[in-house]
């Protein structure tokens, strides 16, 4: 995000893949669930505040990036 990467770029999709693999170490998280997590990060104010405090625009970026990754 800070370097101007787009949510559907190869670099970002590779990061989403790595993040998905990490999550799947703890529980079964198929692509629709990963997409849902991205939506929750942007739409639930508790998560949105956390991600926006880290970097303005991050919540929506995560929603778009995880959605693009899940769409495959």
PDB file of N, CA and C in Angstrom:
ATOM      1  N   UNK A   1       0.839  -1.192   0.000  1.00  0.00           N
ATOM      2  CA  UNK A   1       0.000   0.000   0.000  1.00  0.00           C
ATOM      3  C   UNK A   1       0.878   1.248   0.000  1.00  0.00           C
ATOM      4  N   UNK A   2       1.855   1.284   0.892  1.00  0.00           N
ATOM      5  CA  UNK A   2       2.731   2.453   0.993  1.00  0.00           C
ATOM      6  C   UNK A   2       3.561   2.659  -0.259  1.00  0.00           C
ATOM      7  N   UNK A   3       3.894   1.579  -0.944  1.00  0.00           N
ATOM      8  CA  UNK A   3       4.707   1.692  -2.158  1.00  0.00           C
ATOM      9  C   UNK A   3       3.861   1.841  -3.412  1.00  0.00           C
ATOM     10  N   UNK A   4       2.549   1.905  -3.253  1.00  0.00           N
ATOM     11  CA  UNK A   4       1.678   2.096  -4.405  1.00  0.00           C
ATOM     12  C   UNK A   4       1.240   0.820  -5.094  1.00  0.00           C
ATOM     13  N   UNK A   5       1.444  -0.329  -4.458  1.00  0.00           N
ATOM     14  CA  UNK A   5       1.017  -1.596  -5.060  1.00  0.00           C
ATOM     15  C   UNK A   5      -0.505  -1.641  -5.148  1.00  0.00           C
ATOM     16  N   UNK A   6      -1.004  -2.270  -6.162  1.00  0.00           N
ATOM     17  CA  UNK A   6      -2.442  -2.440  -6.358  1.00  0.00           C
ATOM     18  C   UNK A   6      -2.902  -3.732  -5.702  1.00  0.00           C
ATOM     19  N   UNK A   7      -4.150  -3.764  -5.197  1.00  0.00           N
ATOM     20  CA  UNK A   7      -4.650  -4.970  -4.518  1.00  0.00           C
ATOM     21  C   UNK A   7      -4.573  -6.247  -5.355  1.00  0.00           C
ATOM     22  N   UNK A   8      -4.714  -6.158  -6.665  1.00  0.00           N
ATOM     23  CA  UNK A   8      -4.688  -7.346  -7.511  1.00  0.00           C
ATOM     24  C   UNK A   8      -3.341  -7.628  -8.148  1.00  0.00           C
ATOM     25  N   UNK A   9      -2.308  -6.895  -7.749  1.00  0.00           N
ATOM     26  CA  UNK A   9      -0.984  -7.095  -8.344  1.00  0.00           C
ATOM     27  C   UNK A   9      -0.383  -8.422  -7.879  1.00  0.00           C
ATOM     28  N   UNK A  10       0.556  -8.920  -8.652  1.00  0.00           N
ATOM     29  CA  UNK A  10       1.203 -10.177  -8.305  1.00  0.00           C
ATOM     30  C   UNK A  10       1.860 -10.145  -6.936  1.00  0.00           C
ATOM     31  N   UNK A  11       2.505  -9.031  -6.616  1.00  0.00           N
ATOM     32  CA  UNK A  11       3.172  -8.884  -5.325  1.00  0.00           C
ATOM     33  C   UNK A  11       2.170  -8.996  -4.173  1.00  0.00           C
ATOM     34  N   UNK A  12       1.058  -8.309  -4.292  1.00  0.00           N
ATOM     35  CA  UNK A  12       0.054  -8.315  -3.230  1.00  0.00           C
ATOM     36  C   UNK A  12      -0.640  -9.671  -3.157  1.00  0.00           C
ATOM     37  N   UNK A  13      -0.931 -10.265  -4.302  1.00  0.00           N
ATOM     38  CA  UNK A  13      -1.574 -11.581  -4.290  1.00  0.00           C
ATOM     39  C   UNK A  13      -0.665 -12.635  -3.665  1.00  0.00           C
ATOM     40  N   UNK A  14       0.643 -12.521  -3.871  1.00  0.00           N
ATOM     41  CA  UNK A  14       1.582 -13.450  -3.246  1.00  0.00           C
ATOM     42  C   UNK A  14       1.569 -13.279  -1.727  1.00  0.00           C
ATOM     43  N   UNK A  15       1.474 -12.044  -1.262  1.00  0.00           N
ATOM     44  CA  UNK A  15       1.371 -11.802   0.181  1.00  0.00           C
ATOM     45  C   UNK A  15       0.065 -12.370   0.743  1.00  0.00           C
ATOM     46  N   UNK A  16      -1.014 -12.222  -0.014  1.00  0.00           N
ATOM     47  CA  UNK A  16      -2.298 -12.785   0.425  1.00  0.00           C
ATOM     48  C   UNK A  16      -2.220 -14.302   0.496  1.00  0.00           C
ATOM     49  N   UNK A  17      -1.542 -14.904  -0.451  1.00  0.00           N
ATOM     50  CA  UNK A  17      -1.366 -16.353  -0.450  1.00  0.00           C
ATOM     51  C   UNK A  17      -0.599 -16.796   0.789  1.00  0.00           C
ATOM     52  N   UNK A  18       0.471 -16.100   1.107  1.00  0.00           N
ATOM     53  CA  UNK A  18       1.261 -16.424   2.292  1.00  0.00           C
ATOM     54  C   UNK A  18       0.441 -16.234   3.564  1.00  0.00           C
ATOM     55  N   UNK A  19      -0.336 -15.163   3.618  1.00  0.00           N
ATOM     56  CA  UNK A  19      -1.183 -14.905   4.784  1.00  0.00           C
ATOM     57  C   UNK A  19      -2.233 -16.002   4.921  1.00  0.00           C
ATOM     58  N   UNK A  20      -2.841 -16.408   3.797  1.00  0.00           N
ATOM     59  CA  UNK A  20      -3.833 -17.475   3.820  1.00  0.00           C
ATOM     60  C   UNK A  20      -3.208 -18.780   4.330  1.00  0.00           C
ATOM     61  N   UNK A  21      -2.010 -19.092   3.873  1.00  0.00           N
ATOM     62  CA  UNK A  21      -1.324 -20.300   4.336  1.00  0.00           C
ATOM     63  C   UNK A  21      -1.080 -20.237   5.843  1.00  0.00           C
ATOM     64  N   UNK A  22      -0.735 -19.063   6.335  1.00  0.00           N
ATOM     65  CA  UNK A  22      -0.529 -18.895   7.775  1.00  0.00           C
ATOM     66  C   UNK A  22      -1.831 -19.142   8.539  1.00  0.00           C
ATOM     67  N   UNK A  23      -2.917 -18.534   8.098  1.00  0.00           N
ATOM     68  CA  UNK A  23      -4.215 -18.714   8.754  1.00  0.00           C
ATOM     69  C   UNK A  23      -4.620 -20.189   8.726  1.00  0.00           C
ATOM     70  N   UNK A  24      -4.356 -20.858   7.607  1.00  0.00           N
ATOM     71  CA  UNK A  24      -4.741 -22.262   7.471  1.00  0.00           C
ATOM     72  C   UNK A  24      -3.930 -23.199   8.360  1.00  0.00           C
ATOM     73  N   UNK A  25      -2.895 -22.717   8.991  1.00  0.00           N
ATOM     74  CA  UNK A  25      -2.176 -23.529   9.975  1.00  0.00           C
ATOM     75  C   UNK A  25      -3.023 -23.713  11.229  1.00  0.00           C
ATOM     76  N   UNK A  26      -3.961 -22.809  11.466  1.00  0.00           N
ATOM     77  CA  UNK A  26      -4.747 -22.810  12.694  1.00  0.00           C
ATOM     78  C   UNK A  26      -6.167 -23.333  12.508  1.00  0.00           C
ATOM     79  N   UNK A  27      -6.760 -23.088  11.341  1.00  0.00           N
ATOM     80  CA  UNK A  27      -8.102 -23.592  11.045  1.00  0.00           C
ATOM     81  C   UNK A  27      -8.327 -23.569   9.550  1.00  0.00           C
ATOM     82  N   UNK A  28      -9.310 -24.353   9.112  1.00  0.00           N
ATOM     83  CA  UNK A  28      -9.633 -24.433   7.689  1.00  0.00           C
ATOM     84  C   UNK A  28     -10.232 -23.111   7.231  1.00  0.00           C
ATOM     85  N   UNK A  29      -9.536 -22.448   6.331  1.00  0.00           N
ATOM     86  CA  UNK A  29      -9.977 -21.145   5.841  1.00  0.00           C
ATOM     87  C   UNK A  29      -9.943 -21.131   4.316  1.00  0.00           C
ATOM     88  N   UNK A  30     -10.989 -21.666   3.672  1.00  0.00           N
ATOM     89  CA  UNK A  30     -11.023 -21.654   2.208  1.00  0.00           C
ATOM     90  C   UNK A  30     -11.157 -20.215   1.691  1.00  0.00           C
ATOM     91  N   UNK A  31     -10.938 -20.015   0.400  1.00  0.00           N
ATOM     92  CA  UNK A  31     -10.986 -18.666  -0.160  1.00  0.00           C
ATOM     93  C   UNK A  31     -12.232 -17.847   0.206  1.00  0.00           C
ATOM     94  N   UNK A  32     -13.449 -18.414   0.205  1.00  0.00           N
ATOM     95  CA  UNK A  32     -14.589 -17.572   0.595  1.00  0.00           C
ATOM     96  C   UNK A  32     -14.480 -17.035   2.027  1.00  0.00           C
ATOM     97  N   UNK A  33     -13.896 -17.828   2.921  1.00  0.00           N
ATOM     98  CA  UNK A  33     -13.723 -17.356   4.292  1.00  0.00           C
ATOM     99  C   UNK A  33     -12.674 -16.244   4.344  1.00  0.00           C
ATOM    100  N   UNK A  34     -11.602 -16.387   3.587  1.00  0.00           N
ATOM    101  CA  UNK A  34     -10.569 -15.351   3.526  1.00  0.00           C
ATOM    102  C   UNK A  34     -11.169 -14.053   2.985  1.00  0.00           C
ATOM    103  N   UNK A  35     -11.985 -14.153   1.938  1.00  0.00           N
ATOM    104  CA  UNK A  35     -12.666 -12.965   1.407  1.00  0.00           C
ATOM    105  C   UNK A  35     -13.531 -12.335   2.496  1.00  0.00           C
ATOM    106  N   UNK A  36     -14.235 -13.156   3.257  1.00  0.00           N
ATOM    107  CA  UNK A  36     -15.078 -12.657   4.332  1.00  0.00           C
ATOM    108  C   UNK A  36     -14.283 -11.952   5.423  1.00  0.00           C
ATOM    109  N   UNK A  37     -13.085 -12.453   5.713  1.00  0.00           N
ATOM    110  CA  UNK A  37     -12.239 -11.766   6.685  1.00  0.00           C
ATOM    111  C   UNK A  37     -11.875 -10.377   6.175  1.00  0.00           C
ATOM    112  N   UNK A  38     -11.537 -10.270   4.905  1.00  0.00           N
ATOM    113  CA  UNK A  38     -11.224  -8.971   4.325  1.00  0.00           C
ATOM    114  C   UNK A  38     -12.402  -8.011   4.423  1.00  0.00           C
ATOM    115  N   UNK A  39     -13.582  -8.529   4.164  1.00  0.00           N
ATOM    116  CA  UNK A  39     -14.782  -7.694   4.283  1.00  0.00           C
ATOM    117  C   UNK A  39     -14.985  -7.251   5.728  1.00  0.00           C
ATOM    118  N   UNK A  40     -14.761  -8.149   6.661  1.00  0.00           N
ATOM    119  CA  UNK A  40     -14.922  -7.810   8.071  1.00  0.00           C
ATOM    120  C   UNK A  40     -13.915  -6.738   8.488  1.00  0.00           C
ATOM    121  N   UNK A  41     -12.682  -6.841   8.003  1.00  0.00           N
ATOM    122  CA  UNK A  41     -11.664  -5.858   8.367  1.00  0.00           C
ATOM    123  C   UNK A  41     -12.064  -4.447   7.933  1.00  0.00           C
ATOM    124  N   UNK A  42     -12.793  -4.345   6.835  1.00  0.00           N
ATOM    125  CA  UNK A  42     -13.205  -3.033   6.335  1.00  0.00           C
ATOM    126  C   UNK A  42     -14.540  -2.573   6.903  1.00  0.00           C
ATOM    127  N   UNK A  43     -15.436  -3.508   7.185  1.00  0.00           N
ATOM    128  CA  UNK A  43     -16.813  -3.135   7.518  1.00  0.00           C
ATOM    129  C   UNK A  43     -17.117  -3.120   9.017  1.00  0.00           C
ATOM    130  N   UNK A  44     -16.367  -3.875   9.805  1.00  0.00           N
ATOM    131  CA  UNK A  44     -16.567  -3.873  11.254  1.00  0.00           C
ATOM    132  C   UNK A  44     -15.684  -2.758  11.834  1.00  0.00           C
ATOM    133  N   UNK A  45     -16.301  -1.809  12.516  1.00  0.00           N
ATOM    134  CA  UNK A  45     -15.574  -0.644  13.003  1.00  0.00           C
ATOM    135  C   UNK A  45     -14.413  -0.994  13.922  1.00  0.00           C
ATOM    136  N   UNK A  46     -14.527  -2.065  14.674  1.00  0.00           N
ATOM    137  CA  UNK A  46     -13.415  -2.450  15.558  1.00  0.00           C
ATOM    138  C   UNK A  46     -12.163  -2.789  14.746  1.00  0.00           C
ATOM    139  N   UNK A  47     -12.342  -3.564  13.685  1.00  0.00           N
ATOM    140  CA  UNK A  47     -11.211  -3.915  12.834  1.00  0.00           C
ATOM    141  C   UNK A  47     -10.767  -2.714  12.006  1.00  0.00           C
ATOM    142  N   UNK A  48     -11.730  -1.974  11.464  1.00  0.00           N
ATOM    143  CA  UNK A  48     -11.396  -0.819  10.638  1.00  0.00           C
ATOM    144  C   UNK A  48     -10.515   0.162  11.417  1.00  0.00           C
ATOM    145  N   UNK A  49     -10.895   0.467  12.640  1.00  0.00           N
ATOM    146  CA  UNK A  49     -10.086   1.397  13.445  1.00  0.00           C
ATOM    147  C   UNK A  49      -8.653   0.893  13.603  1.00  0.00           C
ATOM    148  N   UNK A  50      -8.511  -0.384  13.874  1.00  0.00           N
ATOM    149  CA  UNK A  50      -7.176  -0.974  14.065  1.00  0.00           C
ATOM    150  C   UNK A  50      -6.326  -0.849  12.807  1.00  0.00           C
ATOM    151  N   UNK A  51      -6.889  -1.251  11.666  1.00  0.00           N
ATOM    152  CA  UNK A  51      -6.112  -1.214  10.428  1.00  0.00           C
ATOM    153  C   UNK A  51      -5.866   0.214   9.950  1.00  0.00           C
ATOM    154  N   UNK A  52      -6.836   1.080  10.118  1.00  0.00           N
ATOM    155  CA  UNK A  52      -6.659   2.473   9.706  1.00  0.00           C
ATOM    156  C   UNK A  52      -5.638   3.190  10.586  1.00  0.00           C
ATOM    157  N   UNK A  53      -5.509   2.763  11.848  1.00  0.00           N
ATOM    158  CA  UNK A  53      -4.492   3.348  12.727  1.00  0.00           C
ATOM    159  C   UNK A  53      -3.084   2.957  12.263  1.00  0.00           C
ATOM    160  N   UNK A  54      -2.968   1.779  11.673  1.00  0.00           N
ATOM    161  CA  UNK A  54      -1.675   1.341  11.149  1.00  0.00           C
ATOM    162  C   UNK A  54      -1.305   2.098   9.889  1.00  0.00           C
ATOM    163  N   UNK A  55      -2.295   2.286   9.011  1.00  0.00           N
ATOM    164  CA  UNK A  55      -2.058   2.969   7.722  1.00  0.00           C
ATOM    165  C   UNK A  55      -3.410   3.387   7.153  1.00  0.00           C
ATOM    166  N   UNK A  56      -3.613   4.685   6.945  1.00  0.00           N
ATOM    167  CA  UNK A  56      -4.884   5.116   6.346  1.00  0.00           C
ATOM    168  C   UNK A  56      -5.128   4.419   5.004  1.00  0.00           C
ATOM    169  N   UNK A  57      -6.320   3.878   4.849  1.00  0.00           N
ATOM    170  CA  UNK A  57      -6.690   3.166   3.629  1.00  0.00           C
ATOM    171  C   UNK A  57      -6.428   1.678   3.680  1.00  0.00           C
ATOM    172  N   UNK A  58      -5.786   1.201   4.748  1.00  0.00           N
ATOM    173  CA  UNK A  58      -5.415  -0.211   4.822  1.00  0.00           C
ATOM    174  C   UNK A  58      -6.623  -1.136   4.894  1.00  0.00           C
ATOM    175  N   UNK A  59      -7.660  -0.766   5.609  1.00  0.00           N
ATOM    176  CA  UNK A  59      -8.829  -1.637   5.732  1.00  0.00           C
ATOM    177  C   UNK A  59      -9.444  -1.927   4.365  1.00  0.00           C
ATOM    178  N   UNK A  60      -9.649  -0.897   3.569  1.00  0.00           N
ATOM    179  CA  UNK A  60     -10.230  -1.106   2.237  1.00  0.00           C
ATOM    180  C   UNK A  60      -9.251  -1.819   1.305  1.00  0.00           C
ATOM    181  N   UNK A  61      -7.964  -1.544   1.470  1.00  0.00           N
ATOM    182  CA  UNK A  61      -6.952  -2.227   0.670  1.00  0.00           C
ATOM    183  C   UNK A  61      -6.987  -3.731   0.956  1.00  0.00           C
ATOM    184  N   UNK A  62      -7.050  -4.094   2.247  1.00  0.00           N
ATOM    185  CA  UNK A  62      -7.120  -5.514   2.603  1.00  0.00           C
ATOM    186  C   UNK A  62      -8.383  -6.169   2.045  1.00  0.00           C
ATOM    187  N   UNK A  63      -9.490  -5.463   2.131  1.00  0.00           N
ATOM    188  CA  UNK A  63     -10.741  -6.004   1.582  1.00  0.00           C
ATOM    189  C   UNK A  63     -10.586  -6.287   0.089  1.00  0.00           C
ATOM    190  N   UNK A  64     -10.040  -5.330  -0.641  1.00  0.00           N
ATOM    191  CA  UNK A  64      -9.865  -5.504  -2.090  1.00  0.00           C
ATOM    192  C   UNK A  64      -8.830  -6.586  -2.397  1.00  0.00           C
ATOM    193  N   UNK A  65      -7.717  -6.579  -1.671  1.00  0.00           N
ATOM    194  CA  UNK A  65      -6.650  -7.548  -1.945  1.00  0.00           C
ATOM    195  C   UNK A  65      -7.097  -8.968  -1.633  1.00  0.00           C
ATOM    196  N   UNK A  66      -7.695  -9.180  -0.480  1.00  0.00           N
ATOM    197  CA  UNK A  66      -8.146 -10.531  -0.135  1.00  0.00           C
ATOM    198  C   UNK A  66      -9.290 -10.976  -1.029  1.00  0.00           C
ATOM    199  N   UNK A  67     -10.135 -10.052  -1.448  1.00  0.00           N
ATOM    200  CA  UNK A  67     -11.191 -10.380  -2.393  1.00  0.00           C
ATOM    201  C   UNK A  67     -10.630 -10.803  -3.742  1.00  0.00           C
ATOM    202  N   UNK A  68      -9.600 -10.068  -4.213  1.00  0.00           N
ATOM    203  CA  UNK A  68      -8.972 -10.416  -5.485  1.00  0.00           C
ATOM    204  C   UNK A  68      -8.285 -11.775  -5.385  1.00  0.00           C
ATOM    205  N   UNK A  69      -7.605 -12.029  -4.268  1.00  0.00           N
ATOM    206  CA  UNK A  69      -6.949 -13.313  -4.089  1.00  0.00           C
ATOM    207  C   UNK A  69      -7.976 -14.447  -4.069  1.00  0.00           C
ATOM    208  N   UNK A  70      -9.055 -14.253  -3.342  1.00  0.00           N
ATOM    209  CA  UNK A  70     -10.078 -15.299  -3.219  1.00  0.00           C
ATOM    210  C   UNK A  70     -10.760 -15.587  -4.555  1.00  0.00           C
ATOM    211  N   UNK A  71     -10.858 -14.563  -5.405  1.00  0.00           N
ATOM    212  CA  UNK A  71     -11.480 -14.749  -6.720  1.00  0.00           C
ATOM    213  C   UNK A  71     -10.594 -15.581  -7.646  1.00  0.00           C
ATOM    214  N   UNK A  72      -9.311 -15.662  -7.280  1.00  0.00           N
ATOM    215  CA  UNK A  72      -8.357 -16.502  -7.970  1.00  0.00           C
ATOM    216  C   UNK A  72      -8.091 -16.154  -9.359  1.00  0.00           C
TER     217      UNK A  72
END
